[in-house]
Each structure stands twice: as structure tokens, then as C-alpha cells.
Amino acid sequence: MTAIGIIGSAGRMGQTLAAAVPDLGATLAGGIDAGGDPATLAHDADVLIDFSAPSALERNLAAARLTGTPILIGTTGLSPTHHALVDAAASEIAVLQTGNVSLGVTLLAKLVREAAARLGPDWDIEIVEMHHRHKVDAPSGTALLLGEAAAAGRGAPLADLRVSDRAGLVGARSEGTIGFASLRGGSVAGDHLVVFAGEGERIELGHRAENRAIFARGAVTAALWLAGKPAGRYQMEEVVGV
């Protein structure tokens, strides 16, 4: 059976992952947290799952490259520098980095991209997300993933269309932009809604995560798919087949 190592094993997501591993026909190679040695874990694992912190990514990637171990990165809040590190690692090992490992969200992103491509710029796009009070980054990685899908549908980089702050007298909405709103509170696992607002009508595409177990199942499913793959940067769409 495929042995999966978990980076960030003591966190809420890490514990949920550990419980999901045997349920999906894999074995647990072990887990580490801050202060642990990712190289030792990578040596013992057939594939790694990283849900730790952006500050740990460089070290975790270096360990995976040292041992030639594929790695799935579910950590959010990554910077362009982090993405460059992922690109460099993908030249030597199999890497799957995503803002959301849910199989449902992966399909939602495809639907959002298709809708954005078919609807004209007179259809305004707004993305609303809500998470638990402990989440530290905003907008969420999933909201940005959905925003990138919408921007791709419109043939432009998200950076050119993104609007995240409307506090104050900001004026009327600019045509073609993609707005983001982030809500935080309670124990919400993750709610995302993409609104396409036209003149006199709206289309709403959304996903609600009822618990973290869906992310754990998606991550383990993707890790099993990634194990044994040649070097390269992979996407959740390839796992789901959409």
C-alpha cells in the first residue's frame, strides 16, 4: 500500500487527514510539525501531504527533492515567491499544489470558468467566501482559485481584474472586474459562492463544505493519484478528470 506522510499532522486538518488515510486504502508513514525533520518523513513516505504553513514550504520542498518524493501542497496564503519554489521543485519531482483539494470545488472551478467564458463583461462577477474564526488568510485560497477560473474564462490574469477592498467611497463598479468578499466567524468549514449578476438576472454557483473530512478525502485521493508520477506540476483537474 502507498505510504503517506503528513506535514502539519497536529493541526485540525492534519488530524483529519490521518484518520482518512486508512479509510482510503493507504498507510500512514508518519507525521511532523514545526521542529520536525521533513527529510526523515520524506524518506519513509511514498508521497507527502503538506498542510503546514507558508514559512515551512521551502524546507518541505527541499526535503521532497532530496528524497525524490512526490508532494501535494494544500497550504494556502502562498506568495509569488512560494509559487516559484514550487515550479523549481516540479522540475525534479511530482508536485500538486492547489487552493482546495475538494473534488466538488474542482468541478465548480470548471463550471465557473465555462460560465465566465460564455457570459459577456456586462455580467458582473462577485465571489463571496466564509470560513471559521481561526482562518488567517483572506481571501481564501479557494476563493482565489475560483477567481482565477473566472479570469481565465475571460482571457485575462486575475491580477488585472481583482477587486478585494471596497471600503469607503470607491465609486461605481468597473466593468469586467471580479470582486471578493471575505466573512469570518464561528466554525464554518468553508462556504463559497460565485455570483454572475446581469441586468435583471443572476446566476449563482456555489459549494458548501460541511466538515473537513471532504478535504481530507480529496487530499488523500489526490496523493494516491500523485504517487509514482514523473516530475511535473499537476492540477486537481487531472485527478478528477475534468
C-alpha atoms as a PDB file:
ATOM      1  CA  MET A   1       0.000   0.000   0.000  1.00  0.00           C
ATOM      2  CA  THR A   2       1.030   3.604  -0.591  1.00  0.00           C
ATOM      3  CA  ALA A   3       2.623   5.194   2.477  1.00  0.00           C
ATOM      4  CA  ILE A   4       1.550   8.811   3.042  1.00  0.00           C
ATOM      5  CA  GLY A   5       3.490  11.274   5.203  1.00  0.00           C
ATOM      6  CA  ILE A   6       1.661  14.259   6.683  1.00  0.00           C
ATOM      7  CA  ILE A   7       3.385  17.609   7.230  1.00  0.00           C
ATOM      8  CA  GLY A   8       1.378  19.609   9.749  1.00  0.00           C
ATOM      9  CA  SER A   9      -0.011  16.482  11.402  1.00  0.00           C
ATOM     10  CA  ALA A  10      -1.005  18.057  14.728  1.00  0.00           C
ATOM     11  CA  GLY A  11      -3.299  20.667  13.189  1.00  0.00           C
ATOM     12  CA  ARG A  12      -7.022  20.244  12.666  1.00  0.00           C
ATOM     13  CA  MET A  13      -6.540  19.311   9.028  1.00  0.00           C
ATOM     14  CA  GLY A  14      -3.584  17.062   9.799  1.00  0.00           C
ATOM     15  CA  GLN A  15      -5.574  15.038  12.292  1.00  0.00           C
ATOM     16  CA  THR A  16      -8.463  14.686   9.840  1.00  0.00           C
ATOM     17  CA  LEU A  17      -6.019  13.521   7.167  1.00  0.00           C
ATOM     18  CA  ALA A  18      -4.527  10.885   9.458  1.00  0.00           C
ATOM     19  CA  ALA A  19      -7.988   9.447  10.076  1.00  0.00           C
ATOM     20  CA  ALA A  20      -8.789   9.364   6.343  1.00  0.00           C
ATOM     21  CA  VAL A  21      -5.598   7.618   5.189  1.00  0.00           C
ATOM     22  CA  PRO A  22      -6.517   4.032   6.210  1.00  0.00           C
ATOM     23  CA  ASP A  23     -10.120   4.507   5.090  1.00  0.00           C
ATOM     24  CA  LEU A  24      -8.894   5.090   1.527  1.00  0.00           C
ATOM     25  CA  GLY A  25      -6.581   2.076   1.388  1.00  0.00           C
ATOM     26  CA  ALA A  26      -3.267   3.754   2.237  1.00  0.00           C
ATOM     27  CA  THR A  27      -0.886   3.543   5.176  1.00  0.00           C
ATOM     28  CA  LEU A  28       0.395   6.366   7.371  1.00  0.00           C
ATOM     29  CA  ALA A  29       4.157   6.826   7.085  1.00  0.00           C
ATOM     30  CA  GLY A  30       4.096   9.280   9.978  1.00  0.00           C
ATOM     31  CA  GLY A  31       3.696  12.976  10.550  1.00  0.00           C
ATOM     32  CA  ILE A  32       5.687  16.021  11.622  1.00  0.00           C
ATOM     33  CA  ASP A  33       5.043  19.555  12.797  1.00  0.00           C
ATOM     34  CA  ALA A  34       7.146  22.638  13.499  1.00  0.00           C
ATOM     35  CA  GLY A  35      10.596  21.494  14.534  1.00  0.00           C
ATOM     36  CA  GLY A  36      10.262  18.085  12.884  1.00  0.00           C
ATOM     37  CA  ASP A  37      12.556  16.834  10.141  1.00  0.00           C
ATOM     38  CA  PRO A  38      10.738  16.693   6.786  1.00  0.00           C
ATOM     39  CA  ALA A  39      13.650  14.830   5.174  1.00  0.00           C
ATOM     40  CA  THR A  40      13.225  11.873   7.517  1.00  0.00           C
ATOM     41  CA  LEU A  41       9.488  11.770   6.848  1.00  0.00           C
ATOM     42  CA  ALA A  42      10.049  12.090   3.088  1.00  0.00           C
ATOM     43  CA  HIS A  43      12.476   9.154   3.203  1.00  0.00           C
ATOM     44  CA  ASP A  44       9.825   6.940   4.804  1.00  0.00           C
ATOM     45  CA  ALA A  45       6.889   8.050   2.629  1.00  0.00           C
ATOM     46  CA  ASP A  46       5.838   7.293  -0.947  1.00  0.00           C
ATOM     47  CA  VAL A  47       4.118  10.677  -1.115  1.00  0.00           C
ATOM     48  CA  LEU A  48       3.812  13.722   1.167  1.00  0.00           C
ATOM     49  CA  ILE A  49       0.805  15.890   2.000  1.00  0.00           C
ATOM     50  CA  ASP A  50       1.679  19.376   3.261  1.00  0.00           C
ATOM     51  CA  PHE A  51      -0.923  21.397   5.168  1.00  0.00           C
ATOM     52  CA  SER A  52       1.514  23.318   7.353  1.00  0.00           C
ATOM     53  CA  ALA A  53       2.442  26.984   6.837  1.00  0.00           C
ATOM     54  CA  PRO A  54       3.878  29.098   4.006  1.00  0.00           C
ATOM     55  CA  SER A  55       7.020  29.743   6.065  1.00  0.00           C
ATOM     56  CA  ALA A  56       7.767  25.990   6.062  1.00  0.00           C
ATOM     57  CA  LEU A  57       7.258  25.421   2.345  1.00  0.00           C
ATOM     58  CA  GLU A  58      10.844  25.988   1.200  1.00  0.00           C
ATOM     59  CA  ARG A  59      12.208  23.453   3.694  1.00  0.00           C
ATOM     60  CA  ASN A  60       9.495  20.923   2.891  1.00  0.00           C
ATOM     61  CA  LEU A  61      10.119  21.176  -0.843  1.00  0.00           C
ATOM     62  CA  ALA A  62      13.864  20.802  -0.314  1.00  0.00           C
ATOM     63  CA  ALA A  63      13.272  17.598   1.655  1.00  0.00           C
ATOM     64  CA  ALA A  64      10.979  16.200  -1.024  1.00  0.00           C
ATOM     65  CA  ARG A  65      13.540  16.995  -3.727  1.00  0.00           C
ATOM     66  CA  LEU A  66      16.326  15.401  -1.714  1.00  0.00           C
ATOM     67  CA  THR A  67      14.461  12.091  -1.485  1.00  0.00           C
ATOM     68  CA  GLY A  68      12.588  12.304  -4.803  1.00  0.00           C
ATOM     69  CA  THR A  69       9.241  12.105  -3.010  1.00  0.00           C
ATOM     70  CA  PRO A  70       6.078  13.481  -4.675  1.00  0.00           C
ATOM     71  CA  ILE A  71       4.332  16.153  -2.625  1.00  0.00           C
ATOM     72  CA  LEU A  72       0.804  17.544  -2.504  1.00  0.00           C
ATOM     73  CA  ILE A  73       0.682  21.106  -1.175  1.00  0.00           C
ATOM     74  CA  GLY A  74      -2.618  22.267   0.296  1.00  0.00           C
ATOM     75  CA  THR A  75      -1.157  25.168   2.272  1.00  0.00           C
ATOM     76  CA  THR A  76      -2.817  28.473   1.357  1.00  0.00           C
ATOM     77  CA  GLY A  77      -1.615  32.071   1.600  1.00  0.00           C
ATOM     78  CA  LEU A  78       1.314  31.425  -0.765  1.00  0.00           C
ATOM     79  CA  SER A  79       3.196  34.302  -2.370  1.00  0.00           C
ATOM     80  CA  PRO A  80       4.655  34.540  -5.892  1.00  0.00           C
ATOM     81  CA  THR A  81       7.992  33.549  -4.344  1.00  0.00           C
ATOM     82  CA  HIS A  82       6.435  30.362  -2.991  1.00  0.00           C
ATOM     83  CA  HIS A  83       4.961  29.539  -6.394  1.00  0.00           C
ATOM     84  CA  ALA A  84       8.398  29.993  -7.951  1.00  0.00           C
ATOM     85  CA  LEU A  85       9.770  27.478  -5.439  1.00  0.00           C
ATOM     86  CA  VAL A  86       7.005  25.046  -6.413  1.00  0.00           C
ATOM     87  CA  ASP A  87       7.842  25.495 -10.102  1.00  0.00           C
ATOM     88  CA  ALA A  88      11.517  24.787  -9.406  1.00  0.00           C
ATOM     89  CA  ALA A  89      10.708  21.668  -7.394  1.00  0.00           C
ATOM     90  CA  ALA A  90       8.397  20.401 -10.160  1.00  0.00           C
ATOM     91  CA  SER A  91      11.415  20.140 -12.465  1.00  0.00           C
ATOM     92  CA  GLU A  92      12.667  17.280 -10.277  1.00  0.00           C
ATOM     93  CA  ILE A  93       9.628  15.742  -8.532  1.00  0.00           C
ATOM     94  CA  ALA A  94       5.873  15.420  -8.955  1.00  0.00           C
ATOM     95  CA  VAL A  95       4.114  18.355  -7.251  1.00  0.00           C
ATOM     96  CA  LEU A  96       0.406  19.085  -6.949  1.00  0.00           C
ATOM     97  CA  GLN A  97      -0.339  22.492  -5.437  1.00  0.00           C
ATOM     98  CA  THR A  98      -3.906  23.702  -5.051  1.00  0.00           C
ATOM     99  CA  GLY A  99      -6.013  26.162  -3.102  1.00  0.00           C
ATOM    100  CA  ASN A 100      -8.609  23.470  -2.456  1.00  0.00           C
ATOM    101  CA  VAL A 101      -8.446  19.658  -2.545  1.00  0.00           C
ATOM    102  CA  SER A 102     -12.218  19.132  -2.591  1.00  0.00           C
ATOM    103  CA  LEU A 103     -13.362  17.147  -5.608  1.00  0.00           C
ATOM    104  CA  GLY A 104     -16.562  19.221  -5.653  1.00  0.00           C
ATOM    105  CA  VAL A 105     -14.701  22.538  -5.699  1.00  0.00           C
ATOM    106  CA  THR A 106     -12.522  21.272  -8.538  1.00  0.00           C
ATOM    107  CA  LEU A 107     -15.644  20.686 -10.633  1.00  0.00           C
ATOM    108  CA  LEU A 108     -17.077  24.054  -9.514  1.00  0.00           C
ATOM    109  CA  ALA A 109     -13.982  25.838 -10.819  1.00  0.00           C
ATOM    110  CA  LYS A 110     -14.521  24.289 -14.237  1.00  0.00           C
ATOM    111  CA  LEU A 111     -18.155  25.438 -14.254  1.00  0.00           C
ATOM    112  CA  VAL A 112     -17.114  28.957 -13.230  1.00  0.00           C
ATOM    113  CA  ARG A 113     -14.523  29.128 -15.999  1.00  0.00           C
ATOM    114  CA  GLU A 114     -17.052  27.985 -18.578  1.00  0.00           C
ATOM    115  CA  ALA A 115     -19.726  30.421 -17.377  1.00  0.00           C
ATOM    116  CA  ALA A 116     -17.276  33.336 -17.437  1.00  0.00           C
ATOM    117  CA  ALA A 117     -16.232  32.439 -20.969  1.00  0.00           C
ATOM    118  CA  ARG A 118     -19.820  32.320 -22.229  1.00  0.00           C
ATOM    119  CA  LEU A 119     -21.147  35.426 -20.478  1.00  0.00           C
ATOM    120  CA  GLY A 120     -20.068  38.890 -21.582  1.00  0.00           C
ATOM    121  CA  PRO A 121     -18.333  41.564 -19.462  1.00  0.00           C
ATOM    122  CA  ASP A 122     -21.745  43.118 -18.726  1.00  0.00           C
ATOM    123  CA  TRP A 123     -22.232  40.185 -16.328  1.00  0.00           C
ATOM    124  CA  ASP A 124     -20.528  41.224 -13.088  1.00  0.00           C
ATOM    125  CA  ILE A 125     -18.649  38.534 -11.154  1.00  0.00           C
ATOM    126  CA  GLU A 126     -18.552  38.560  -7.353  1.00  0.00           C
ATOM    127  CA  ILE A 127     -17.027  35.862  -5.122  1.00  0.00           C
ATOM    128  CA  VAL A 128     -18.178  35.558  -1.512  1.00  0.00           C
ATOM    129  CA  GLU A 129     -16.492  33.199   0.941  1.00  0.00           C
ATOM    130  CA  MET A 130     -16.929  32.429   4.648  1.00  0.00           C
ATOM    131  CA  HIS A 131     -14.679  30.458   6.984  1.00  0.00           C
ATOM    132  CA  HIS A 132     -14.228  29.793  10.693  1.00  0.00           C
ATOM    133  CA  ARG A 133     -12.902  32.484  13.005  1.00  0.00           C
ATOM    134  CA  HIS A 134      -9.405  30.920  13.154  1.00  0.00           C
ATOM    135  CA  LYS A 135      -8.556  31.251   9.452  1.00  0.00           C
ATOM    136  CA  VAL A 136      -5.649  33.650   8.995  1.00  0.00           C
ATOM    137  CA  ASP A 137      -5.649  34.431   5.248  1.00  0.00           C
ATOM    138  CA  ALA A 138      -8.218  36.279   3.134  1.00  0.00           C
ATOM    139  CA  PRO A 139      -9.475  35.890   0.513  1.00  0.00           C
ATOM    140  CA  SER A 140      -9.303  32.143   0.948  1.00  0.00           C
ATOM    141  CA  GLY A 141      -7.191  30.017  -1.342  1.00  0.00           C
ATOM    142  CA  THR A 142     -10.390  28.553  -2.744  1.00  0.00           C
ATOM    143  CA  ALA A 143     -11.841  31.997  -3.494  1.00  0.00           C
ATOM    144  CA  LEU A 144      -8.662  32.887  -5.369  1.00  0.00           C
ATOM    145  CA  LEU A 145      -8.800  29.561  -7.220  1.00  0.00           C
ATOM    146  CA  LEU A 146     -12.353  30.361  -8.315  1.00  0.00           C
ATOM    147  CA  GLY A 147     -11.312  33.892  -9.225  1.00  0.00           C
ATOM    148  CA  GLU A 148      -8.504  32.535 -11.381  1.00  0.00           C
ATOM    149  CA  ALA A 149     -11.010  30.244 -13.102  1.00  0.00           C
ATOM    150  CA  ALA A 150     -13.314  33.205 -13.810  1.00  0.00           C
ATOM    151  CA  ALA A 151     -10.432  35.333 -15.055  1.00  0.00           C
ATOM    152  CA  ALA A 152      -9.233  32.502 -17.308  1.00  0.00           C
ATOM    153  CA  GLY A 153     -12.724  32.319 -18.762  1.00  0.00           C
ATOM    154  CA  ARG A 154     -12.419  35.991 -19.622  1.00  0.00           C
ATOM    155  CA  GLY A 155      -8.935  35.578 -21.028  1.00  0.00           C
ATOM    156  CA  ALA A 156      -7.111  37.792 -18.532  1.00  0.00           C
ATOM    157  CA  PRO A 157      -4.871  37.384 -15.458  1.00  0.00           C
ATOM    158  CA  LEU A 158      -6.732  37.626 -12.167  1.00  0.00           C
ATOM    159  CA  ALA A 159      -4.332  40.342 -11.013  1.00  0.00           C
ATOM    160  CA  ASP A 160      -5.739  42.624 -13.731  1.00  0.00           C
ATOM    161  CA  LEU A 161      -9.384  42.096 -12.681  1.00  0.00           C
ATOM    162  CA  ARG A 162      -9.321  41.518  -8.911  1.00  0.00           C
ATOM    163  CA  VAL A 163     -11.024  43.924  -6.507  1.00  0.00           C
ATOM    164  CA  SER A 164     -10.766  42.985  -2.822  1.00  0.00           C
ATOM    165  CA  ASP A 165     -11.419  46.202  -0.910  1.00  0.00           C
ATOM    166  CA  ARG A 166     -14.470  48.411  -1.343  1.00  0.00           C
ATOM    167  CA  ALA A 167     -14.364  50.282   1.952  1.00  0.00           C
ATOM    168  CA  GLY A 168     -15.192  53.970   1.635  1.00  0.00           C
ATOM    169  CA  LEU A 169     -16.390  55.985  -1.349  1.00  0.00           C
ATOM    170  CA  VAL A 170     -14.878  53.846  -4.082  1.00  0.00           C
ATOM    171  CA  GLY A 171     -17.260  54.834  -6.869  1.00  0.00           C
ATOM    172  CA  ALA A 172     -19.240  52.682  -9.270  1.00  0.00           C
ATOM    173  CA  ARG A 173     -18.196  49.167 -10.131  1.00  0.00           C
ATOM    174  CA  SER A 174     -15.734  48.893 -13.048  1.00  0.00           C
ATOM    175  CA  GLU A 175     -16.922  46.645 -15.884  1.00  0.00           C
ATOM    176  CA  GLY A 176     -15.172  43.287 -16.159  1.00  0.00           C
ATOM    177  CA  THR A 177     -13.723  43.246 -12.652  1.00  0.00           C
ATOM    178  CA  ILE A 178     -14.005  40.311 -10.236  1.00  0.00           C
ATOM    179  CA  GLY A 179     -14.940  41.279  -6.685  1.00  0.00           C
ATOM    180  CA  PHE A 180     -14.110  39.391  -3.497  1.00  0.00           C
ATOM    181  CA  ALA A 181     -15.785  39.473  -0.085  1.00  0.00           C
ATOM    182  CA  SER A 182     -14.489  37.513   2.920  1.00  0.00           C
ATOM    183  CA  LEU A 183     -16.529  36.628   6.011  1.00  0.00           C
ATOM    184  CA  ARG A 184     -15.097  35.079   9.180  1.00  0.00           C
ATOM    185  CA  GLY A 185     -16.905  33.566  12.146  1.00  0.00           C
ATOM    186  CA  GLY A 186     -17.942  30.517  14.095  1.00  0.00           C
ATOM    187  CA  SER A 187     -16.859  27.083  12.924  1.00  0.00           C
ATOM    188  CA  VAL A 188     -17.681  27.316   9.206  1.00  0.00           C
ATOM    189  CA  ALA A 189     -15.557  24.784   7.309  1.00  0.00           C
ATOM    190  CA  GLY A 190     -15.856  26.691   4.032  1.00  0.00           C
ATOM    191  CA  ASP A 191     -18.654  28.315   2.019  1.00  0.00           C
ATOM    192  CA  HIS A 192     -18.019  29.740  -1.456  1.00  0.00           C
ATOM    193  CA  LEU A 193     -20.444  31.465  -3.810  1.00  0.00           C
ATOM    194  CA  VAL A 194     -19.688  32.842  -7.265  1.00  0.00           C
ATOM    195  CA  VAL A 195     -22.331  35.310  -8.439  1.00  0.00           C
ATOM    196  CA  PHE A 196     -22.755  36.268 -12.085  1.00  0.00           C
ATOM    197  CA  ALA A 197     -25.008  39.331 -11.974  1.00  0.00           C
ATOM    198  CA  GLY A 198     -26.585  40.517 -15.214  1.00  0.00           C
ATOM    199  CA  GLU A 199     -29.263  43.082 -15.938  1.00  0.00           C
ATOM    200  CA  GLY A 200     -32.387  41.721 -14.250  1.00  0.00           C
ATOM    201  CA  GLU A 201     -30.997  38.228 -13.532  1.00  0.00           C
ATOM    202  CA  ARG A 202     -28.316  36.363 -11.599  1.00  0.00           C
ATOM    203  CA  ILE A 203     -26.557  33.017 -11.865  1.00  0.00           C
ATOM    204  CA  GLU A 204     -25.119  31.648  -8.607  1.00  0.00           C
ATOM    205  CA  LEU A 205     -22.647  28.771  -8.471  1.00  0.00           C
ATOM    206  CA  GLY A 206     -21.594  27.614  -5.035  1.00  0.00           C
ATOM    207  CA  HIS A 207     -20.136  24.976  -2.756  1.00  0.00           C
ATOM    208  CA  ARG A 208     -20.521  24.391   0.971  1.00  0.00           C
ATOM    209  CA  ALA A 209     -18.135  22.236   2.957  1.00  0.00           C
ATOM    210  CA  GLU A 210     -19.982  20.700   5.888  1.00  0.00           C
ATOM    211  CA  ASN A 211     -16.809  19.386   7.550  1.00  0.00           C
ATOM    212  CA  ARG A 212     -13.069  18.966   6.966  1.00  0.00           C
ATOM    213  CA  ALA A 213     -13.485  15.302   6.089  1.00  0.00           C
ATOM    214  CA  ILE A 214     -14.249  16.201   2.461  1.00  0.00           C
ATOM    215  CA  PHE A 215     -10.893  17.950   2.163  1.00  0.00           C
ATOM    216  CA  ALA A 216      -9.100  15.014   3.757  1.00  0.00           C
ATOM    217  CA  ARG A 217     -10.702  12.552   1.354  1.00  0.00           C
ATOM    218  CA  GLY A 218      -9.845  14.777  -1.593  1.00  0.00           C
ATOM    219  CA  ALA A 219      -6.244  15.224  -0.444  1.00  0.00           C
ATOM    220  CA  VAL A 220      -5.646  11.518   0.148  1.00  0.00           C
ATOM    221  CA  THR A 221      -7.295  10.645  -3.182  1.00  0.00           C
ATOM    222  CA  ALA A 222      -5.040  13.161  -4.935  1.00  0.00           C
ATOM    223  CA  ALA A 223      -1.940  11.951  -3.075  1.00  0.00           C
ATOM    224  CA  LEU A 224      -2.615   8.354  -4.126  1.00  0.00           C
ATOM    225  CA  TRP A 225      -3.009   9.571  -7.716  1.00  0.00           C
ATOM    226  CA  LEU A 226       0.243  11.581  -7.475  1.00  0.00           C
ATOM    227  CA  ALA A 227       2.373   8.769  -6.051  1.00  0.00           C
ATOM    228  CA  GLY A 228       4.634   7.365  -8.751  1.00  0.00           C
ATOM    229  CA  LYS A 229       4.018  10.205 -11.222  1.00  0.00           C
ATOM    230  CA  PRO A 230       7.019  11.648 -13.105  1.00  0.00           C
ATOM    231  CA  ALA A 231       8.342  15.109 -12.293  1.00  0.00           C
ATOM    232  CA  GLY A 232       5.964  17.914 -13.143  1.00  0.00           C
ATOM    233  CA  ARG A 233       3.399  20.328 -11.733  1.00  0.00           C
ATOM    234  CA  TYR A 234      -0.038  18.740 -11.611  1.00  0.00           C
ATOM    235  CA  GLN A 235      -3.567  20.068 -11.038  1.00  0.00           C
ATOM    236  CA  MET A 236      -6.636  18.766  -9.205  1.00  0.00           C
ATOM    237  CA  GLU A 237      -8.476  18.807 -12.542  1.00  0.00           C
ATOM    238  CA  GLU A 238      -6.251  15.947 -13.659  1.00  0.00           C
ATOM    239  CA  VAL A 239      -7.149  13.951 -10.553  1.00  0.00           C
ATOM    240  CA  VAL A 240     -10.880  14.461 -11.088  1.00  0.00           C
ATOM    241  CA  GLY A 241     -10.638  14.106 -14.876  1.00  0.00           C
ATOM    242  CA  VAL A 242     -12.417  17.348 -15.829  1.00  0.00           C
END
